[in-house]
Amino acid sequence: MTNNLNEFLTTRKQVIEDYLFTYVQELQIPEQLKSSMLYSLKAGGKRLRPVLVLALLNAYGKREKDGIPVGCAVEMIHTYSLIHDDLPCMDDDDLRRGKPTNHKVYGEATAVLAGDALLTESFRLITSQLSEDVPADQKLRIIDELVKSAGALGMVGGQFEDMEAEQKQIPLAELESIHARKTGKLLTFSVAAGAMLAGASDDDIEKLREFSYHIGIAFQIRDDILDLEGSEEKIGKRVGSDTANDKSTYPSLITLSRAKEKLNEHITRAKEIVSNLELKQQLLHDLCDLIASRDH
């Protein structure tokens, strides 16, 4: 990781977390519900999605602070999805980021409601906290983008099909389609929303959607590789669970060696797209490298 990227990640992660934790802490809601929400929000994580929002504003030379509420909103949705994914009726996981999963600490009912609260509150965060300098139609466009990315057309639909595909081997094209939605759509939202806030052209935004598609697939391939080669201590959850659950993964369908090659192909294509845009490219290239080489 370059020094510039490391500094960017460290400082922006702190900004996002300070804002996010304060916002939720100040909500006038039952304390146990708030505690459950904050437990998962504070469990750690790379904050990649909000960082991408800020990175796009940075790349276009615009004010990063305008992206903080949007970044926090997408992180709330990502966190809700993890709480629900870990439930016994879904992936039935006991650990998340090295800590007991939410339902293990607060019970299943509270965990479900904490996830529900994070999901719905994310939209109010955008409507109430986004700068008044952002026009109303731009806010509506960002919310519409988030709904499509997080809901049945995006993350939720991908998660459903991922569950349907358990205990069976599926074609590679179907696997990519699942992960382009389950993992990739929130990354695409982060990139597109950052570009929208930066005032990027529609042509740039479409190219950046393609960029985010490739980093989303690369992110999932790296996840599959880490499930085989990663350190449980660094990942913070069980390794080998995909194999144990007989899930279709990139290594299981095309071999571990070919999965690594495919990862590099997607990262290379993502960098090529950025290289053809008129913006500061190095930060986005560095983020591509981070996705390709991360160990958790």
C-alpha atoms as a PDB file:
ATOM      1  CA  MET A   1       0.000   0.000   0.000  1.00  0.00           C
ATOM      2  CA  THR A   2       1.428   3.402  -0.949  1.00  0.00           C
ATOM      3  CA  ASN A   3       1.913   6.069   1.722  1.00  0.00           C
ATOM      4  CA  ASN A   4      -0.581   8.348  -0.040  1.00  0.00           C
ATOM      5  CA  LEU A   5      -3.255   5.659  -0.100  1.00  0.00           C
ATOM      6  CA  ASN A   6      -2.581   4.664   3.487  1.00  0.00           C
ATOM      7  CA  GLU A   7      -2.959   8.273   4.621  1.00  0.00           C
ATOM      8  CA  PHE A   8      -6.132   8.713   2.568  1.00  0.00           C
ATOM      9  CA  LEU A   9      -7.720   5.541   3.956  1.00  0.00           C
ATOM     10  CA  THR A  10      -6.769   6.322   7.560  1.00  0.00           C
ATOM     11  CA  THR A  11      -7.948   9.931   7.572  1.00  0.00           C
ATOM     12  CA  ARG A  12     -11.157   9.394   5.600  1.00  0.00           C
ATOM     13  CA  LYS A  13     -12.110   6.312   7.593  1.00  0.00           C
ATOM     14  CA  GLN A  14     -11.821   8.398  10.770  1.00  0.00           C
ATOM     15  CA  VAL A  15     -13.969  11.170   9.306  1.00  0.00           C
ATOM     16  CA  ILE A  16     -16.650   8.684   8.238  1.00  0.00           C
ATOM     17  CA  GLU A  17     -16.686   6.864  11.573  1.00  0.00           C
ATOM     18  CA  ASP A  18     -16.814  10.054  13.650  1.00  0.00           C
ATOM     19  CA  TYR A  19     -19.782  11.306  11.644  1.00  0.00           C
ATOM     20  CA  LEU A  20     -21.570   7.953  11.526  1.00  0.00           C
ATOM     21  CA  PHE A  21     -21.239   7.081  15.202  1.00  0.00           C
ATOM     22  CA  THR A  22     -22.293  10.581  16.300  1.00  0.00           C
ATOM     23  CA  TYR A  23     -25.329  10.550  14.009  1.00  0.00           C
ATOM     24  CA  VAL A  24     -26.606   7.220  15.343  1.00  0.00           C
ATOM     25  CA  GLN A  25     -25.716   8.054  18.959  1.00  0.00           C
ATOM     26  CA  GLU A  26     -27.889  11.171  18.791  1.00  0.00           C
ATOM     27  CA  LEU A  27     -30.970   9.348  17.478  1.00  0.00           C
ATOM     28  CA  GLN A  28     -33.882   9.463  19.927  1.00  0.00           C
ATOM     29  CA  ILE A  29     -34.611   5.729  19.876  1.00  0.00           C
ATOM     30  CA  PRO A  30     -34.686   2.856  22.429  1.00  0.00           C
ATOM     31  CA  GLU A  31     -31.234   2.417  23.967  1.00  0.00           C
ATOM     32  CA  GLN A  32     -31.040  -1.340  23.339  1.00  0.00           C
ATOM     33  CA  LEU A  33     -31.845  -0.851  19.668  1.00  0.00           C
ATOM     34  CA  LYS A  34     -29.257   1.922  19.410  1.00  0.00           C
ATOM     35  CA  SER A  35     -26.710  -0.260  21.204  1.00  0.00           C
ATOM     36  CA  SER A  36     -27.289  -3.092  18.728  1.00  0.00           C
ATOM     37  CA  MET A  37     -26.930  -0.739  15.740  1.00  0.00           C
ATOM     38  CA  LEU A  38     -23.712   0.769  17.088  1.00  0.00           C
ATOM     39  CA  TYR A  39     -22.308  -2.647  18.007  1.00  0.00           C
ATOM     40  CA  SER A  40     -22.188  -3.693  14.370  1.00  0.00           C
ATOM     41  CA  LEU A  41     -21.246  -0.246  13.061  1.00  0.00           C
ATOM     42  CA  LYS A  42     -18.285  -0.183  15.464  1.00  0.00           C
ATOM     43  CA  ALA A  43     -17.168  -3.751  14.741  1.00  0.00           C
ATOM     44  CA  GLY A  44     -14.583  -2.424  12.285  1.00  0.00           C
ATOM     45  CA  GLY A  45     -14.249  -2.887   8.571  1.00  0.00           C
ATOM     46  CA  LYS A  46     -12.456  -1.260   5.681  1.00  0.00           C
ATOM     47  CA  ARG A  47     -15.163   1.397   5.049  1.00  0.00           C
ATOM     48  CA  LEU A  48     -14.385   0.851   1.372  1.00  0.00           C
ATOM     49  CA  ARG A  49     -17.786   2.026   0.149  1.00  0.00           C
ATOM     50  CA  PRO A  50     -17.784   5.454   1.831  1.00  0.00           C
ATOM     51  CA  VAL A  51     -14.093   5.850   0.997  1.00  0.00           C
ATOM     52  CA  LEU A  52     -14.969   5.329  -2.679  1.00  0.00           C
ATOM     53  CA  VAL A  53     -17.535   8.138  -2.500  1.00  0.00           C
ATOM     54  CA  LEU A  54     -14.884  10.499  -1.127  1.00  0.00           C
ATOM     55  CA  ALA A  55     -12.231   9.192  -3.536  1.00  0.00           C
ATOM     56  CA  LEU A  56     -14.365  10.137  -6.552  1.00  0.00           C
ATOM     57  CA  LEU A  57     -14.900  13.647  -5.219  1.00  0.00           C
ATOM     58  CA  ASN A  58     -11.154  13.879  -4.589  1.00  0.00           C
ATOM     59  CA  ALA A  59     -10.357  12.615  -8.080  1.00  0.00           C
ATOM     60  CA  TYR A  60     -12.527  15.344  -9.610  1.00  0.00           C
ATOM     61  CA  GLY A  61     -11.075  18.005  -7.303  1.00  0.00           C
ATOM     62  CA  LYS A  62     -14.370  18.638  -5.481  1.00  0.00           C
ATOM     63  CA  ARG A  63     -15.218  19.055  -1.775  1.00  0.00           C
ATOM     64  CA  GLU A  64     -15.110  15.695  -0.070  1.00  0.00           C
ATOM     65  CA  LYS A  65     -17.312  16.818   2.811  1.00  0.00           C
ATOM     66  CA  ASP A  66     -20.319  16.854   0.480  1.00  0.00           C
ATOM     67  CA  GLY A  67     -19.996  13.069   0.186  1.00  0.00           C
ATOM     68  CA  ILE A  68     -19.821  12.223   3.890  1.00  0.00           C
ATOM     69  CA  PRO A  69     -23.601  11.750   4.481  1.00  0.00           C
ATOM     70  CA  VAL A  70     -23.870   9.630   1.316  1.00  0.00           C
ATOM     71  CA  GLY A  71     -20.845   7.557   2.350  1.00  0.00           C
ATOM     72  CA  CYS A  72     -22.306   7.021   5.810  1.00  0.00           C
ATOM     73  CA  ALA A  73     -25.657   6.034   4.310  1.00  0.00           C
ATOM     74  CA  VAL A  74     -24.139   3.305   2.132  1.00  0.00           C
ATOM     75  CA  GLU A  75     -22.090   2.059   5.093  1.00  0.00           C
ATOM     76  CA  MET A  76     -25.289   1.763   7.154  1.00  0.00           C
ATOM     77  CA  ILE A  77     -26.861  -0.328   4.402  1.00  0.00           C
ATOM     78  CA  HIS A  78     -23.757  -2.496   4.098  1.00  0.00           C
ATOM     79  CA  THR A  79     -23.776  -3.041   7.886  1.00  0.00           C
ATOM     80  CA  TYR A  80     -27.471  -3.947   7.946  1.00  0.00           C
ATOM     81  CA  SER A  81     -26.834  -6.532   5.225  1.00  0.00           C
ATOM     82  CA  LEU A  82     -24.065  -8.118   7.299  1.00  0.00           C
ATOM     83  CA  ILE A  83     -26.283  -8.326  10.392  1.00  0.00           C
ATOM     84  CA  HIS A  84     -28.988 -10.081   8.382  1.00  0.00           C
ATOM     85  CA  ASP A  85     -26.519 -12.303   6.462  1.00  0.00           C
ATOM     86  CA  ASP A  86     -25.199 -13.669   9.761  1.00  0.00           C
ATOM     87  CA  LEU A  87     -28.624 -14.727  11.081  1.00  0.00           C
ATOM     88  CA  PRO A  88     -29.369 -18.448  11.572  1.00  0.00           C
ATOM     89  CA  CYS A  89     -31.924 -18.347   8.738  1.00  0.00           C
ATOM     90  CA  MET A  90     -29.244 -17.034   6.356  1.00  0.00           C
ATOM     91  CA  ASP A  91     -25.521 -17.856   6.701  1.00  0.00           C
ATOM     92  CA  ASP A  92     -25.741 -18.775  10.413  1.00  0.00           C
ATOM     93  CA  ASP A  93     -22.389 -17.240  11.406  1.00  0.00           C
ATOM     94  CA  ASP A  94     -21.157 -16.805  14.967  1.00  0.00           C
ATOM     95  CA  LEU A  95     -18.282 -14.433  14.170  1.00  0.00           C
ATOM     96  CA  ARG A  96     -18.051 -11.206  12.208  1.00  0.00           C
ATOM     97  CA  ARG A  97     -14.805  -9.210  12.131  1.00  0.00           C
ATOM     98  CA  GLY A  98     -13.497 -11.269  15.020  1.00  0.00           C
ATOM     99  CA  LYS A  99     -16.440 -10.526  17.318  1.00  0.00           C
ATOM    100  CA  PRO A 100     -19.647 -12.427  18.114  1.00  0.00           C
ATOM    101  CA  THR A 101     -22.288 -11.633  15.504  1.00  0.00           C
ATOM    102  CA  ASN A 102     -25.061  -9.219  16.431  1.00  0.00           C
ATOM    103  CA  HIS A 103     -27.730 -11.844  17.067  1.00  0.00           C
ATOM    104  CA  LYS A 104     -25.350 -13.740  19.381  1.00  0.00           C
ATOM    105  CA  VAL A 105     -25.120 -10.659  21.594  1.00  0.00           C
ATOM    106  CA  TYR A 106     -28.566  -9.059  21.281  1.00  0.00           C
ATOM    107  CA  GLY A 107     -30.797 -11.922  20.172  1.00  0.00           C
ATOM    108  CA  GLU A 108     -32.322 -12.551  16.765  1.00  0.00           C
ATOM    109  CA  ALA A 109     -35.305 -10.201  17.062  1.00  0.00           C
ATOM    110  CA  THR A 110     -33.208  -7.192  18.062  1.00  0.00           C
ATOM    111  CA  ALA A 111     -30.616  -7.986  15.382  1.00  0.00           C
ATOM    112  CA  VAL A 112     -33.330  -8.034  12.706  1.00  0.00           C
ATOM    113  CA  LEU A 113     -34.733  -4.714  13.915  1.00  0.00           C
ATOM    114  CA  ALA A 114     -31.273  -3.134  14.178  1.00  0.00           C
ATOM    115  CA  GLY A 115     -30.686  -4.066  10.542  1.00  0.00           C
ATOM    116  CA  ASP A 116     -34.106  -2.685   9.581  1.00  0.00           C
ATOM    117  CA  ALA A 117     -33.343   0.553  11.412  1.00  0.00           C
ATOM    118  CA  LEU A 118     -29.979   1.006   9.724  1.00  0.00           C
ATOM    119  CA  LEU A 119     -31.550   0.433   6.308  1.00  0.00           C
ATOM    120  CA  THR A 120     -34.382   2.901   6.678  1.00  0.00           C
ATOM    121  CA  GLU A 121     -32.374   5.514   8.579  1.00  0.00           C
ATOM    122  CA  SER A 122     -29.812   5.601   5.764  1.00  0.00           C
ATOM    123  CA  PHE A 123     -32.284   7.329   3.455  1.00  0.00           C
ATOM    124  CA  ARG A 124     -33.211   9.962   6.062  1.00  0.00           C
ATOM    125  CA  LEU A 125     -29.527  10.642   6.548  1.00  0.00           C
ATOM    126  CA  ILE A 126     -29.258  11.632   2.886  1.00  0.00           C
ATOM    127  CA  THR A 127     -32.450  13.717   2.846  1.00  0.00           C
ATOM    128  CA  SER A 128     -31.658  15.541   6.092  1.00  0.00           C
ATOM    129  CA  GLN A 129     -27.867  15.843   6.102  1.00  0.00           C
ATOM    130  CA  LEU A 130     -26.777  16.345   2.499  1.00  0.00           C
ATOM    131  CA  SER A 131     -25.526  19.870   1.833  1.00  0.00           C
ATOM    132  CA  GLU A 132     -28.105  22.477   0.790  1.00  0.00           C
ATOM    133  CA  ASP A 133     -25.764  23.199  -2.117  1.00  0.00           C
ATOM    134  CA  VAL A 134     -26.808  19.856  -3.614  1.00  0.00           C
ATOM    135  CA  PRO A 135     -29.978  20.448  -5.703  1.00  0.00           C
ATOM    136  CA  ALA A 136     -33.126  18.521  -4.793  1.00  0.00           C
ATOM    137  CA  ASP A 137     -33.174  16.668  -8.118  1.00  0.00           C
ATOM    138  CA  GLN A 138     -29.592  15.524  -7.492  1.00  0.00           C
ATOM    139  CA  LYS A 139     -30.543  14.213  -4.047  1.00  0.00           C
ATOM    140  CA  LEU A 140     -33.481  12.349  -5.597  1.00  0.00           C
ATOM    141  CA  ARG A 141     -31.194  10.878  -8.268  1.00  0.00           C
ATOM    142  CA  ILE A 142     -28.775   9.642  -5.584  1.00  0.00           C
ATOM    143  CA  ILE A 143     -31.585   8.115  -3.495  1.00  0.00           C
ATOM    144  CA  ASP A 144     -33.037   6.410  -6.581  1.00  0.00           C
ATOM    145  CA  GLU A 145     -29.569   5.016  -7.343  1.00  0.00           C
ATOM    146  CA  LEU A 146     -29.255   3.723  -3.782  1.00  0.00           C
ATOM    147  CA  VAL A 147     -32.676   2.042  -3.820  1.00  0.00           C
ATOM    148  CA  LYS A 148     -31.864   0.214  -7.069  1.00  0.00           C
ATOM    149  CA  SER A 149     -28.422  -0.793  -5.784  1.00  0.00           C
ATOM    150  CA  ALA A 150     -29.542  -2.026  -2.374  1.00  0.00           C
ATOM    151  CA  GLY A 151     -32.921  -3.592  -3.127  1.00  0.00           C
ATOM    152  CA  ALA A 152     -34.333  -6.451  -5.178  1.00  0.00           C
ATOM    153  CA  LEU A 153     -32.676  -5.178  -8.364  1.00  0.00           C
ATOM    154  CA  GLY A 154     -29.308  -5.134  -6.625  1.00  0.00           C
ATOM    155  CA  MET A 155     -27.869  -6.443  -3.376  1.00  0.00           C
ATOM    156  CA  VAL A 156     -31.009  -8.136  -2.029  1.00  0.00           C
ATOM    157  CA  GLY A 157     -31.743  -9.851  -5.339  1.00  0.00           C
ATOM    158  CA  GLY A 158     -28.149 -11.043  -5.555  1.00  0.00           C
ATOM    159  CA  GLN A 159     -28.261 -12.346  -1.996  1.00  0.00           C
ATOM    160  CA  PHE A 160     -31.481 -14.248  -2.735  1.00  0.00           C
ATOM    161  CA  GLU A 161     -30.010 -15.925  -5.807  1.00  0.00           C
ATOM    162  CA  ASP A 162     -26.831 -16.676  -3.878  1.00  0.00           C
ATOM    163  CA  MET A 163     -28.913 -18.588  -1.316  1.00  0.00           C
ATOM    164  CA  GLU A 164     -30.791 -20.385  -4.107  1.00  0.00           C
ATOM    165  CA  ALA A 165     -27.455 -21.478  -5.578  1.00  0.00           C
ATOM    166  CA  GLU A 166     -26.234 -23.177  -2.382  1.00  0.00           C
ATOM    167  CA  GLN A 167     -25.502 -26.899  -2.535  1.00  0.00           C
ATOM    168  CA  LYS A 168     -25.177 -26.796  -6.326  1.00  0.00           C
ATOM    169  CA  GLN A 169     -22.626 -25.913  -8.972  1.00  0.00           C
ATOM    170  CA  ILE A 170     -23.767 -23.067 -11.228  1.00  0.00           C
ATOM    171  CA  PRO A 171     -22.313 -21.684 -14.486  1.00  0.00           C
ATOM    172  CA  LEU A 172     -19.627 -19.023 -14.159  1.00  0.00           C
ATOM    173  CA  ALA A 173     -21.808 -16.414 -15.898  1.00  0.00           C
ATOM    174  CA  GLU A 174     -24.540 -16.949 -13.293  1.00  0.00           C
ATOM    175  CA  LEU A 175     -22.011 -16.653 -10.463  1.00  0.00           C
ATOM    176  CA  GLU A 176     -20.755 -13.352 -11.878  1.00  0.00           C
ATOM    177  CA  SER A 177     -24.322 -12.089 -12.223  1.00  0.00           C
ATOM    178  CA  ILE A 178     -25.028 -12.922  -8.579  1.00  0.00           C
ATOM    179  CA  HIS A 179     -21.924 -11.197  -7.282  1.00  0.00           C
ATOM    180  CA  ALA A 180     -22.290  -8.188  -9.574  1.00  0.00           C
ATOM    181  CA  ARG A 181     -25.472  -7.553  -7.571  1.00  0.00           C
ATOM    182  CA  LYS A 182     -24.738  -8.978  -4.126  1.00  0.00           C
ATOM    183  CA  THR A 183     -21.302  -7.377  -3.758  1.00  0.00           C
ATOM    184  CA  GLY A 184     -20.884  -5.097  -6.739  1.00  0.00           C
ATOM    185  CA  LYS A 185     -24.001  -2.940  -6.703  1.00  0.00           C
ATOM    186  CA  LEU A 186     -23.178  -1.055  -3.499  1.00  0.00           C
ATOM    187  CA  LEU A 187     -19.661  -0.450  -4.806  1.00  0.00           C
ATOM    188  CA  THR A 188     -21.193   0.831  -8.040  1.00  0.00           C
ATOM    189  CA  PHE A 189     -23.481   3.110  -6.059  1.00  0.00           C
ATOM    190  CA  SER A 190     -20.528   4.533  -4.130  1.00  0.00           C
ATOM    191  CA  VAL A 191     -18.599   5.293  -7.301  1.00  0.00           C
ATOM    192  CA  ALA A 192     -21.603   6.663  -9.217  1.00  0.00           C
ATOM    193  CA  ALA A 193     -22.856   8.782  -6.304  1.00  0.00           C
ATOM    194  CA  GLY A 194     -19.407  10.277  -5.767  1.00  0.00           C
ATOM    195  CA  ALA A 195     -19.227  11.127  -9.474  1.00  0.00           C
ATOM    196  CA  MET A 196     -22.744  12.621  -9.409  1.00  0.00           C
ATOM    197  CA  LEU A 197     -21.860  14.831  -6.437  1.00  0.00           C
ATOM    198  CA  ALA A 198     -18.705  15.881  -8.272  1.00  0.00           C
ATOM    199  CA  GLY A 199     -20.758  17.013 -11.251  1.00  0.00           C
ATOM    200  CA  ALA A 200     -19.295  14.426 -13.623  1.00  0.00           C
ATOM    201  CA  SER A 201     -20.813  14.073 -17.077  1.00  0.00           C
ATOM    202  CA  ASP A 202     -23.285  11.282 -17.797  1.00  0.00           C
ATOM    203  CA  ASP A 203     -20.667   9.762 -20.113  1.00  0.00           C
ATOM    204  CA  ASP A 204     -18.100   9.679 -17.294  1.00  0.00           C
ATOM    205  CA  ILE A 205     -20.645   8.185 -14.904  1.00  0.00           C
ATOM    206  CA  GLU A 206     -21.415   5.357 -17.321  1.00  0.00           C
ATOM    207  CA  LYS A 207     -17.718   4.606 -17.740  1.00  0.00           C
ATOM    208  CA  LEU A 208     -17.300   4.644 -13.976  1.00  0.00           C
ATOM    209  CA  ARG A 209     -20.170   2.165 -13.658  1.00  0.00           C
ATOM    210  CA  GLU A 210     -18.128  -0.187 -15.841  1.00  0.00           C
ATOM    211  CA  PHE A 211     -15.064   0.523 -13.681  1.00  0.00           C
ATOM    212  CA  SER A 212     -17.032  -0.341 -10.543  1.00  0.00           C
ATOM    213  CA  TYR A 213     -18.393  -3.529 -12.127  1.00  0.00           C
ATOM    214  CA  HIS A 214     -14.831  -4.783 -12.547  1.00  0.00           C
ATOM    215  CA  ILE A 215     -13.703  -3.844  -9.041  1.00  0.00           C
ATOM    216  CA  GLY A 216     -16.867  -5.447  -7.641  1.00  0.00           C
ATOM    217  CA  ILE A 217     -16.172  -8.771  -9.353  1.00  0.00           C
ATOM    218  CA  ALA A 218     -12.495  -8.513  -8.365  1.00  0.00           C
ATOM    219  CA  PHE A 219     -13.529  -7.881  -4.752  1.00  0.00           C
ATOM    220  CA  GLN A 220     -15.634 -11.054  -4.709  1.00  0.00           C
ATOM    221  CA  ILE A 221     -12.944 -13.174  -6.371  1.00  0.00           C
ATOM    222  CA  ARG A 222     -10.502 -11.978  -3.710  1.00  0.00           C
ATOM    223  CA  ASP A 223     -13.062 -12.940  -1.050  1.00  0.00           C
ATOM    224  CA  ASP A 224     -13.285 -16.455  -2.524  1.00  0.00           C
ATOM    225  CA  ILE A 225      -9.494 -16.751  -2.563  1.00  0.00           C
ATOM    226  CA  LEU A 226      -9.230 -15.574   1.036  1.00  0.00           C
ATOM    227  CA  ASP A 227     -11.783 -18.200   2.064  1.00  0.00           C
ATOM    228  CA  LEU A 228      -9.198 -20.766   0.949  1.00  0.00           C
ATOM    229  CA  GLU A 229      -5.899 -19.051   1.730  1.00  0.00           C
ATOM    230  CA  GLY A 230      -6.735 -16.333   4.231  1.00  0.00           C
ATOM    231  CA  SER A 231      -5.989 -16.049   7.936  1.00  0.00           C
ATOM    232  CA  GLU A 232      -9.013 -16.438  10.204  1.00  0.00           C
ATOM    233  CA  GLU A 233      -7.369 -13.972  12.602  1.00  0.00           C
ATOM    234  CA  LYS A 234      -7.112 -11.284   9.909  1.00  0.00           C
ATOM    235  CA  ILE A 235     -10.437 -11.991   8.211  1.00  0.00           C
ATOM    236  CA  GLY A 236     -12.290 -12.137  11.517  1.00  0.00           C
ATOM    237  CA  LYS A 237     -14.551 -15.050  10.588  1.00  0.00           C
ATOM    238  CA  ARG A 238     -14.323 -18.730   9.712  1.00  0.00           C
ATOM    239  CA  VAL A 239     -12.275 -19.665   6.668  1.00  0.00           C
ATOM    240  CA  GLY A 240     -13.250 -22.614   4.490  1.00  0.00           C
ATOM    241  CA  SER A 241     -16.958 -22.006   5.058  1.00  0.00           C
ATOM    242  CA  ASP A 242     -17.675 -21.813   1.317  1.00  0.00           C
ATOM    243  CA  THR A 243     -16.198 -25.264   0.796  1.00  0.00           C
ATOM    244  CA  ALA A 244     -18.008 -26.636   3.849  1.00  0.00           C
ATOM    245  CA  ASN A 245     -21.311 -25.269   2.544  1.00  0.00           C
ATOM    246  CA  ASP A 246     -20.590 -26.570  -0.974  1.00  0.00           C
ATOM    247  CA  LYS A 247     -21.025 -23.086  -2.442  1.00  0.00           C
ATOM    248  CA  SER A 248     -20.080 -22.220  -5.997  1.00  0.00           C
ATOM    249  CA  THR A 249     -17.032 -19.947  -5.957  1.00  0.00           C
ATOM    250  CA  TYR A 250     -14.561 -18.789  -8.558  1.00  0.00           C
ATOM    251  CA  PRO A 251     -11.866 -21.264  -7.391  1.00  0.00           C
ATOM    252  CA  SER A 252     -14.358 -24.148  -7.293  1.00  0.00           C
ATOM    253  CA  LEU A 253     -15.595 -23.427 -10.820  1.00  0.00           C
ATOM    254  CA  ILE A 254     -12.380 -22.437 -12.612  1.00  0.00           C
ATOM    255  CA  THR A 255      -9.539 -23.495 -10.205  1.00  0.00           C
ATOM    256  CA  LEU A 256      -7.654 -21.319  -7.747  1.00  0.00           C
ATOM    257  CA  SER A 257      -4.939 -20.480 -10.274  1.00  0.00           C
ATOM    258  CA  ARG A 258      -7.431 -19.307 -12.905  1.00  0.00           C
ATOM    259  CA  ALA A 259      -9.376 -17.330 -10.279  1.00  0.00           C
ATOM    260  CA  LYS A 260      -6.194 -15.381  -9.498  1.00  0.00           C
ATOM    261  CA  GLU A 261      -5.686 -14.703 -13.205  1.00  0.00           C
ATOM    262  CA  LYS A 262      -9.293 -13.540 -13.550  1.00  0.00           C
ATOM    263  CA  LEU A 263      -8.870 -11.245 -10.556  1.00  0.00           C
ATOM    264  CA  ASN A 264      -5.915  -9.564 -12.263  1.00  0.00           C
ATOM    265  CA  GLU A 265      -7.844  -9.285 -15.546  1.00  0.00           C
ATOM    266  CA  HIS A 266     -10.676  -7.374 -13.851  1.00  0.00           C
ATOM    267  CA  ILE A 267      -8.256  -5.087 -11.994  1.00  0.00           C
ATOM    268  CA  THR A 268      -6.345  -4.362 -15.208  1.00  0.00           C
ATOM    269  CA  ARG A 269      -9.565  -3.492 -17.041  1.00  0.00           C
ATOM    270  CA  ALA A 270     -10.698  -1.219 -14.190  1.00  0.00           C
ATOM    271  CA  LYS A 271      -7.413   0.684 -14.343  1.00  0.00           C
ATOM    272  CA  GLU A 272      -7.667   1.042 -18.122  1.00  0.00           C
ATOM    273  CA  ILE A 273     -11.087   2.674 -17.791  1.00  0.00           C
ATOM    274  CA  VAL A 274      -9.824   5.183 -15.214  1.00  0.00           C
ATOM    275  CA  SER A 275      -6.787   5.958 -17.376  1.00  0.00           C
ATOM    276  CA  ASN A 276      -9.100   7.227 -20.126  1.00  0.00           C
ATOM    277  CA  LEU A 277     -10.924   9.694 -17.879  1.00  0.00           C
ATOM    278  CA  GLU A 278      -9.968  13.308 -17.161  1.00  0.00           C
ATOM    279  CA  LEU A 279      -9.500  13.123 -13.413  1.00  0.00           C
ATOM    280  CA  LYS A 280      -6.762  12.418 -10.874  1.00  0.00           C
ATOM    281  CA  GLN A 281      -6.113   8.756 -11.540  1.00  0.00           C
ATOM    282  CA  GLN A 282      -3.503   7.592  -9.046  1.00  0.00           C
ATOM    283  CA  LEU A 283      -5.789   7.284  -6.031  1.00  0.00           C
ATOM    284  CA  LEU A 284      -8.288   5.143  -7.954  1.00  0.00           C
ATOM    285  CA  HIS A 285      -5.458   2.980  -9.333  1.00  0.00           C
ATOM    286  CA  ASP A 286      -4.150   2.501  -5.783  1.00  0.00           C
ATOM    287  CA  LEU A 287      -7.622   1.480  -4.603  1.00  0.00           C
ATOM    288  CA  CYS A 288      -7.734  -1.116  -7.396  1.00  0.00           C
ATOM    289  CA  ASP A 289      -4.439  -2.550  -6.141  1.00  0.00           C
ATOM    290  CA  LEU A 290      -5.769  -2.629  -2.586  1.00  0.00           C
ATOM    291  CA  ILE A 291      -8.834  -4.632  -3.656  1.00  0.00           C
ATOM    292  CA  ALA A 292      -6.600  -7.097  -5.503  1.00  0.00           C
ATOM    293  CA  SER A 293      -4.146  -7.656  -2.646  1.00  0.00           C
ATOM    294  CA  ARG A 294      -6.167  -7.185   0.559  1.00  0.00           C
ATOM    295  CA  ASP A 295      -5.794  -9.841   3.258  1.00  0.00           C
ATOM    296  CA  HIS A 296      -9.151  -9.285   4.989  1.00  0.00           C
END
